[in-house]
Each structure stands twice: as structure tokens, then as C-alpha cells.
Amino acid sequence: MVQLGALSWDELRKVLLEGTSAPVVPRYKALFSVQQSAPSATEAVATLSSALPLQKDSVLLRHEAAYVLGQLGDASAIEPLRQILLDETEDEIVRHEAAEALAALRSDDSEALVTELTAVAKNTCSEALRHTCQLAVEGLERGRKEAEEAGRPALPLCVCQYSSKDPAEGLANATEKDIPWAASRLADDSLPLFERYQGMFTLRNVGGDGAVQALAKMLLSDSSSAVLRHEVAFVLGQMADETSAKALVEALAHIEEHGMVRHEAAIALGHIGTESAEEALRQYSKDPDLLVAQSCEVALATIEYWKSWEELEARIAGADSQDT
């Protein structure tokens, strides 16, 4: 993820609350610094809730603000996310992210959220939003059942190396032997999306060449759900395996693909940072789809950030070798 540097909380708030008067990259960086820099989760929610409607020029930034609100784990984020979900004038990608974030928060009043999500899924013309709401409903209902059985709230956390709150959990204690099962589950479009997501996150958690190949194949071959393909691209970005770059470049280059998929492919390429990834990001940084263009812009900034760190580490290593 792009880093902003050692700015104070007040400086981060200023960047976010400047809205369209600030360039996209600093605002994007600030969004992903909020969780670490805010004095409290509640204050982070308040700032993001105020900042989100100010990002009028960027679906990318409004949707990422909704994502961060869901990752904060604070119940005060529920109401602003509900307002975004129910706002029919908002872009479908931002509403999609609000639905996913609401599921990540696992509200105590999940029954009311399930009712609203079900209504949105029924009435929307957006397949992506409908699929996301269906996933969110399944996640909330399963979470409520788990909470009742365990006697405490169940949060969608992965017992693995990834810290994100995900729409579904992978198979517990999975190993490389489970990759064929997980790949088959992900590819089976007769299954509910939630169950296919379980296969996806199992592949991510296990990792390795076989898992990456299965995910990359699904990114390019699936035709059932843009929401699923966008999550596959997100997962490949988390894994940051260079062998997935070819598939991600192809997804980014597919101009008829849904913007949310191309966006996630661009962000993933920023994490991978290979020469081919950088070349593709530069090529599509002027894409007619502003979501895609801005995603390429921030992904290139991510690559530059890590390059600067590698150069600094090399200089430090060189100075240490001269001293000895």
C-alpha cells in the first residue's frame, strides 16, 4: 500500500478534508494511513465520514474510504455506510463497497441490516451490487449463527498471515493438499458466491504456485460475476506473487471488463511492481475510465515508494560495508 510518510494526524485530516482541491495520490495515501494514525477508531470514522462526500471527483477514493470504514471495526461506521448503501444516486462501486464493509463490521443489529441488504439486492439494476449484497447477507447470517453458538460476536478475521476482514473465510488449517478442492469450489458457478469465496480465500491462505495459478486462471476465465473477479484480483494483490502479473495485466487491458475488476488489477500490479506491471500501469494511466486511470496513478506511486525504500536500504548497506 502507498505510504504517506510521517504526517501528523492533523495533517492527514487536512489532506482528506481538502477534497477535490488536493491531488488524488496524497488523498489515497492519507486514506490508508488513517487506521494507524488516528487517536481512536471513532475519530477515524468521523473523519472518513466527513471526507467521503468531499471526494466528488473520484469513485476510487469514495469506494476506498468505504473500505477503510469497514476495516476499522468500529460500530460508529455502520450508519454512514448504511447511508451510502441506500443512496441510489451514488455510484454502484461505492455502494458495493459499503455493503461489503457493513458485512465486515458484523453489527449487533444484523437482522435489520440483512433486511436492508436483501431489499437493495432485490431492487437494484446493478448485478455487481446485487451480488455483493447477497454475499453480505450470507456473511451476516453465518456470523449471527456462529455468535449464537459461541455466545459472543463473531468477526470475519482470518487466522492466517492476512489481517483484512474478508467477505468469507477460507478452510481452517488448509494445506497444499486442499488446493484442488479450493480451486474446484471457486470455479463452480453452480455454487452460491459465498461458497466460491471460501474456495478463493482458502487458495489465498495456502499460497504457493498452484494457488496462484488457480486464482489467475479464474480471473481471466470467469464470466459469472464481476464481484468475484474483482475479489480474485484483490487477493492476488495481497499475495503479491510476480507470476500473477501476466494475468493481472491482461485483466487491466480488457477494456470491456467491469471497472471494479480493472481497478483491482491495477492496484494489485502496484503491489507486485515488476517491469511489465509498471509498463501496463503507465499505459492505462490515461484510460477513459477515470476509476481505472486513477487506480493506475496510485499503483505507480506505490511502486515508486518501494523503489525508494530499496534504494535507501542499498545505500545503508553500502555505507555499512565501507565502515567494516
Protein backbone atom coordinates (compact mmCIF):
# COMPACT_ATOMS: atom_id res chain seq x y z
CA MET A 1 0.00 0.00 0.00
CA VAL A 2 1.14 3.55 -0.74
CA GLN A 3 2.54 5.24 2.37
CA LEU A 4 2.24 8.93 3.16
CA GLY A 5 5.25 9.44 5.36
CA ALA A 6 5.47 10.85 8.85
CA LEU A 7 2.50 13.23 8.78
CA SER A 8 0.65 14.04 11.97
CA TRP A 9 -3.00 13.15 12.42
CA ASP A 10 -4.00 16.79 11.95
CA GLU A 11 -2.04 16.90 8.68
CA LEU A 12 -3.69 13.73 7.44
CA ARG A 13 -7.13 15.12 8.27
CA LYS A 14 -6.31 18.29 6.36
CA VAL A 15 -5.40 16.31 3.24
CA LEU A 16 -8.61 14.30 3.39
CA LEU A 17 -10.87 17.25 4.13
CA GLU A 18 -9.41 19.35 1.31
CA GLY A 19 -11.43 17.18 -1.03
CA THR A 20 -11.02 17.84 -4.73
CA SER A 21 -8.51 20.64 -4.17
CA ALA A 22 -5.86 18.04 -3.26
CA PRO A 23 -4.31 15.64 -5.83
CA VAL A 24 -5.61 12.07 -5.88
CA VAL A 25 -2.41 10.32 -4.78
CA PRO A 26 -1.96 12.21 -1.47
CA ARG A 27 -5.63 11.69 -0.65
CA TYR A 28 -5.35 7.97 -1.41
CA LYS A 29 -2.24 7.70 0.75
CA ALA A 30 -4.00 9.54 3.57
CA LEU A 31 -6.96 7.15 3.48
CA PHE A 32 -4.72 4.19 4.16
CA SER A 33 -2.81 5.99 6.90
CA VAL A 34 -5.94 6.76 8.91
CA GLN A 35 -6.17 3.44 10.71
CA GLN A 36 -2.59 3.71 12.03
CA SER A 37 -2.58 7.44 12.77
CA ALA A 38 -5.99 8.30 14.21
CA PRO A 39 -6.16 8.78 18.00
CA SER A 40 -9.10 6.36 18.08
CA ALA A 41 -11.21 4.30 15.71
CA THR A 42 -14.20 6.51 16.46
CA GLU A 43 -12.29 9.63 15.44
CA ALA A 44 -11.09 7.86 12.30
CA VAL A 45 -14.70 7.05 11.42
CA ALA A 46 -15.78 10.64 11.99
CA THR A 47 -13.02 11.98 9.74
CA LEU A 48 -13.64 9.48 6.95
CA SER A 49 -17.39 10.05 7.12
CA SER A 50 -16.83 13.78 6.68
CA ALA A 51 -14.20 13.31 3.98
CA LEU A 52 -16.00 10.74 1.84
CA PRO A 53 -18.62 13.05 0.26
CA LEU A 54 -15.89 15.62 -0.44
CA GLN A 55 -14.19 13.23 -2.89
CA LYS A 56 -16.67 14.19 -5.60
CA ASP A 57 -14.12 13.75 -8.38
CA SER A 58 -13.20 10.18 -7.53
CA VAL A 59 -15.18 6.95 -7.31
CA LEU A 60 -11.84 5.38 -6.39
CA LEU A 61 -11.45 7.50 -3.26
CA ARG A 62 -15.08 7.27 -2.13
CA HIS A 63 -15.02 3.49 -2.54
CA GLU A 64 -11.68 3.14 -0.70
CA ALA A 65 -12.99 5.34 2.11
CA ALA A 66 -15.92 2.93 2.48
CA TYR A 67 -13.48 0.01 2.52
CA VAL A 68 -11.40 1.56 5.30
CA LEU A 69 -14.55 2.30 7.31
CA GLY A 70 -15.33 -1.40 7.25
CA GLN A 71 -11.81 -2.39 8.25
CA LEU A 72 -11.79 -0.08 11.28
CA GLY A 73 -14.06 -2.42 13.21
CA ASP A 74 -15.92 0.42 14.92
CA ALA A 75 -19.72 0.34 15.20
CA SER A 76 -19.96 4.10 14.62
CA ALA A 77 -19.16 3.39 10.94
CA ILE A 78 -22.42 1.49 10.43
CA GLU A 79 -24.72 4.48 9.99
CA PRO A 80 -22.59 6.37 7.42
CA LEU A 81 -22.11 3.12 5.49
CA ARG A 82 -25.87 2.47 5.57
CA GLN A 83 -26.46 5.92 4.11
CA ILE A 84 -24.05 5.18 1.26
CA LEU A 85 -25.62 1.79 0.59
CA LEU A 86 -29.12 3.24 0.40
CA ASP A 87 -28.15 6.29 -1.69
CA GLU A 88 -29.37 5.44 -5.19
CA THR A 89 -27.57 8.47 -6.63
CA GLU A 90 -24.17 7.08 -5.54
CA ASP A 91 -22.02 5.04 -7.93
CA GLU A 92 -22.62 1.28 -7.83
CA ILE A 93 -18.98 0.59 -6.95
CA VAL A 94 -19.11 2.83 -3.88
CA ARG A 95 -22.42 1.26 -2.78
CA HIS A 96 -20.90 -2.19 -3.37
CA GLU A 97 -18.01 -1.34 -1.06
CA ALA A 98 -20.40 -0.01 1.58
CA ALA A 99 -22.30 -3.31 1.53
CA GLU A 100 -19.08 -5.28 1.89
CA ALA A 101 -17.92 -3.00 4.71
CA LEU A 102 -21.19 -3.44 6.60
CA ALA A 103 -20.74 -7.20 6.49
CA ALA A 104 -17.17 -6.81 7.76
CA LEU A 105 -18.39 -4.86 10.80
CA ARG A 106 -20.84 -7.57 11.92
CA SER A 107 -23.38 -5.27 13.59
CA ASP A 108 -25.21 -6.35 16.76
CA ASP A 109 -28.38 -5.45 14.85
CA SER A 110 -27.51 -7.65 11.89
CA GLU A 111 -31.15 -8.62 11.35
CA ALA A 112 -32.04 -5.06 10.35
CA LEU A 113 -29.02 -4.87 8.04
CA VAL A 114 -29.95 -8.17 6.43
CA THR A 115 -33.40 -6.76 5.69
CA GLU A 116 -31.94 -3.64 4.07
CA LEU A 117 -29.30 -5.55 2.10
CA THR A 118 -31.91 -8.00 0.86
CA ALA A 119 -34.11 -5.13 -0.30
CA VAL A 120 -31.23 -3.47 -2.14
CA ALA A 121 -30.30 -6.77 -3.80
CA LYS A 122 -33.91 -7.23 -4.92
CA ASN A 123 -34.42 -3.72 -6.29
CA THR A 124 -31.07 -2.75 -7.82
CA CYS A 125 -30.36 -2.92 -11.54
CA SER A 126 -26.65 -3.42 -10.78
CA GLU A 127 -25.56 -7.05 -10.88
CA ALA A 128 -22.36 -6.17 -9.00
CA LEU A 129 -24.29 -4.52 -6.17
CA ARG A 130 -26.79 -7.37 -6.07
CA HIS A 131 -24.04 -9.98 -5.80
CA THR A 132 -22.30 -8.00 -3.06
CA CYS A 133 -25.48 -7.64 -1.02
CA GLN A 134 -26.15 -11.36 -1.35
CA LEU A 135 -22.63 -12.10 -0.12
CA ALA A 136 -23.04 -9.66 2.75
CA VAL A 137 -26.35 -11.24 3.79
CA GLU A 138 -24.80 -14.71 3.80
CA GLY A 139 -21.83 -13.48 5.81
CA LEU A 140 -24.02 -11.71 8.37
CA GLU A 141 -26.36 -14.65 8.78
CA ARG A 142 -23.49 -17.09 9.23
CA GLY A 143 -21.83 -14.69 11.65
CA ARG A 144 -25.02 -14.39 13.68
CA LYS A 145 -25.34 -18.17 13.85
CA GLU A 146 -21.69 -18.54 14.93
CA ALA A 147 -22.17 -15.85 17.57
CA GLU A 148 -25.23 -17.60 18.98
CA GLU A 149 -23.36 -20.89 19.15
CA ALA A 150 -20.24 -19.36 20.68
CA GLY A 151 -22.02 -16.90 22.96
CA ARG A 152 -20.03 -13.94 21.62
CA PRO A 153 -19.80 -11.81 18.45
CA ALA A 154 -18.03 -13.46 15.52
CA LEU A 155 -15.78 -11.21 13.45
CA PRO A 156 -14.69 -12.17 9.90
CA LEU A 157 -10.99 -12.42 10.74
CA CYS A 158 -8.59 -14.82 9.09
CA VAL A 159 -6.38 -16.94 11.32
CA CYS A 160 -3.55 -16.54 8.81
CA GLN A 161 -0.93 -14.03 7.67
CA TYR A 162 -3.55 -11.61 6.30
CA SER A 163 -5.11 -9.02 8.59
CA SER A 164 -8.02 -7.93 6.39
CA LYS A 165 -11.65 -8.53 7.37
CA ASP A 166 -12.82 -10.61 4.41
CA PRO A 167 -16.27 -11.41 2.95
CA ALA A 168 -15.72 -15.13 3.67
CA GLU A 169 -13.25 -17.34 5.48
CA GLY A 170 -11.04 -19.97 3.93
CA LEU A 171 -10.96 -23.57 5.08
CA ALA A 172 -9.38 -23.78 8.51
CA ASN A 173 -5.97 -25.47 8.64
CA ALA A 174 -5.89 -25.93 4.85
CA THR A 175 -2.67 -27.15 3.20
CA GLU A 176 -1.42 -27.63 -0.36
CA LYS A 177 -3.44 -30.86 -0.48
CA ASP A 178 -6.61 -28.72 -0.35
CA ILE A 179 -5.73 -26.63 -3.41
CA PRO A 180 -7.61 -28.85 -5.92
CA TRP A 181 -10.72 -28.74 -3.71
CA ALA A 182 -10.48 -24.98 -3.28
CA ALA A 183 -9.85 -24.34 -6.99
CA SER A 184 -12.80 -26.55 -7.94
CA ARG A 185 -15.06 -24.76 -5.44
CA LEU A 186 -14.03 -21.34 -6.75
CA ALA A 187 -14.65 -22.35 -10.36
CA ASP A 188 -18.06 -23.96 -9.77
CA ASP A 189 -20.57 -21.32 -10.85
CA SER A 190 -23.46 -23.53 -9.72
CA LEU A 191 -22.49 -22.81 -6.11
CA PRO A 192 -23.53 -19.68 -4.17
CA LEU A 193 -20.94 -16.91 -4.35
CA PHE A 194 -20.20 -17.20 -0.64
CA GLU A 195 -19.11 -20.82 -1.03
CA ARG A 196 -16.96 -19.95 -4.03
CA TYR A 197 -15.38 -17.20 -1.94
CA GLN A 198 -14.50 -19.82 0.66
CA GLY A 199 -12.52 -21.61 -2.03
CA MET A 200 -10.88 -18.33 -3.07
CA PHE A 201 -9.72 -17.42 0.42
CA THR A 202 -8.51 -20.96 1.03
CA LEU A 203 -6.27 -20.59 -2.03
CA ARG A 204 -5.00 -17.25 -0.77
CA ASN A 205 -4.25 -18.54 2.70
CA VAL A 206 -2.44 -21.65 1.47
CA GLY A 207 -0.46 -19.77 -1.17
CA GLY A 208 2.16 -21.23 -3.49
CA ASP A 209 2.33 -21.71 -7.25
CA GLY A 210 -0.72 -23.93 -7.51
CA ALA A 211 -2.92 -21.49 -5.63
CA VAL A 212 -1.70 -18.51 -7.66
CA GLN A 213 -2.26 -20.35 -10.93
CA ALA A 214 -5.81 -21.30 -9.95
CA LEU A 215 -6.64 -17.72 -8.99
CA ALA A 216 -5.04 -16.25 -12.11
CA LYS A 217 -6.97 -18.67 -14.30
CA MET A 218 -10.25 -17.72 -12.64
CA LEU A 219 -9.55 -14.01 -13.06
CA LEU A 220 -9.46 -14.45 -16.84
CA SER A 221 -11.90 -17.30 -17.40
CA ASP A 222 -14.85 -16.47 -15.13
CA SER A 223 -17.88 -14.88 -16.75
CA SER A 224 -20.35 -15.31 -13.89
CA SER A 225 -19.58 -12.36 -11.60
CA ALA A 226 -17.54 -9.17 -11.80
CA VAL A 227 -17.65 -9.07 -8.00
CA LEU A 228 -15.94 -12.45 -7.81
CA ARG A 229 -13.30 -11.47 -10.39
CA HIS A 230 -12.59 -8.20 -8.59
CA GLU A 231 -12.06 -10.12 -5.34
CA VAL A 232 -9.72 -12.54 -7.12
CA ALA A 233 -7.64 -9.56 -8.29
CA PHE A 234 -7.65 -8.14 -4.75
CA VAL A 235 -6.44 -11.46 -3.35
CA LEU A 236 -3.67 -11.69 -5.95
CA GLY A 237 -2.59 -8.22 -4.88
CA GLN A 238 -2.41 -9.37 -1.27
CA MET A 239 -0.30 -12.36 -2.30
CA ALA A 240 1.95 -10.15 -4.48
CA ASP A 241 3.33 -13.12 -6.40
CA GLU A 242 5.15 -11.99 -9.54
CA THR A 243 3.83 -14.96 -11.52
CA SER A 244 0.33 -13.47 -11.39
CA ALA A 245 1.41 -10.26 -13.15
CA LYS A 246 0.62 -11.57 -16.64
CA ALA A 247 -3.00 -12.36 -15.77
CA LEU A 248 -3.44 -9.06 -13.93
CA VAL A 249 -2.04 -7.11 -16.89
CA GLU A 250 -4.45 -8.94 -19.18
CA ALA A 251 -7.39 -8.11 -16.88
CA LEU A 252 -6.36 -4.45 -16.76
CA ALA A 253 -6.03 -4.35 -20.55
CA HIS A 254 -9.51 -5.83 -21.10
CA ILE A 255 -11.44 -2.63 -21.77
CA GLU A 256 -14.78 -4.45 -21.81
CA GLU A 257 -14.19 -5.77 -18.27
CA HIS A 258 -16.07 -4.15 -15.39
CA GLY A 259 -14.25 -1.13 -13.99
CA MET A 260 -14.08 -2.61 -10.49
CA VAL A 261 -12.10 -5.59 -11.83
CA ARG A 262 -9.70 -3.43 -13.83
CA HIS A 263 -9.28 -1.19 -10.78
CA GLU A 264 -8.33 -4.09 -8.51
CA ALA A 265 -5.99 -5.48 -11.18
CA ALA A 266 -4.21 -2.11 -11.32
CA ILE A 267 -3.86 -1.87 -7.54
CA ALA A 268 -2.57 -5.46 -7.43
CA LEU A 269 0.04 -4.67 -10.07
CA GLY A 270 1.22 -1.81 -7.88
CA HIS A 271 1.92 -4.32 -5.11
CA ILE A 272 3.76 -6.67 -7.47
CA GLY A 273 5.87 -3.94 -9.06
CA THR A 274 7.51 -5.87 -11.89
CA GLU A 275 8.70 -4.15 -15.06
CA SER A 276 5.71 -5.48 -17.01
CA ALA A 277 3.36 -4.31 -14.23
CA GLU A 278 4.80 -0.80 -14.32
CA GLU A 279 4.63 -0.68 -18.11
CA ALA A 280 0.96 -1.66 -18.12
CA LEU A 281 0.11 0.84 -15.40
CA ARG A 282 1.72 3.65 -17.37
CA GLN A 283 -0.14 2.58 -20.49
CA TYR A 284 -3.55 2.73 -18.78
CA SER A 285 -2.91 5.72 -16.52
CA LYS A 286 -4.82 7.84 -19.09
CA ASP A 287 -7.66 5.34 -19.51
CA PRO A 288 -11.05 6.89 -20.36
CA ASP A 289 -12.48 5.19 -17.25
CA LEU A 290 -11.40 7.60 -14.50
CA LEU A 291 -11.57 4.83 -11.87
CA VAL A 292 -9.03 2.82 -13.86
CA ALA A 293 -6.81 5.82 -14.64
CA GLN A 294 -6.66 6.93 -11.00
CA SER A 295 -6.03 3.35 -9.85
CA CYS A 296 -3.05 3.16 -12.20
CA GLU A 297 -1.82 6.51 -10.88
CA VAL A 298 -1.83 5.41 -7.25
CA ALA A 299 -0.39 1.99 -8.15
CA LEU A 300 2.56 3.68 -9.86
CA ALA A 301 3.05 5.76 -6.70
CA THR A 302 3.16 2.53 -4.70
CA ILE A 303 5.89 1.17 -6.97
CA GLU A 304 7.90 4.38 -6.63
CA TYR A 305 7.58 4.26 -2.86
CA TRP A 306 9.01 0.76 -2.60
CA LYS A 307 11.74 1.59 -5.10
CA SER A 308 12.82 4.49 -2.90
CA TRP A 309 12.94 2.17 0.12
CA GLU A 310 15.06 -0.35 -1.77
CA GLU A 311 17.45 2.41 -2.86
CA LEU A 312 17.71 3.67 0.72
CA GLU A 313 18.39 0.17 2.03
CA ALA A 314 21.06 -0.31 -0.63
CA ARG A 315 22.77 2.95 0.36
CA ILE A 316 22.68 1.98 4.04
CA ALA A 317 24.09 -1.46 3.25
CA GLY A 318 26.83 0.14 1.15
CA ALA A 319 27.75 2.56 3.93
CA ASP A 320 27.85 -0.29 6.47
CA SER A 321 30.16 -2.35 4.26
CA GLN A 322 32.55 0.59 3.88
CA ASP A 323 32.65 1.11 7.65
CA THR A 324 33.68 -2.52 8.17
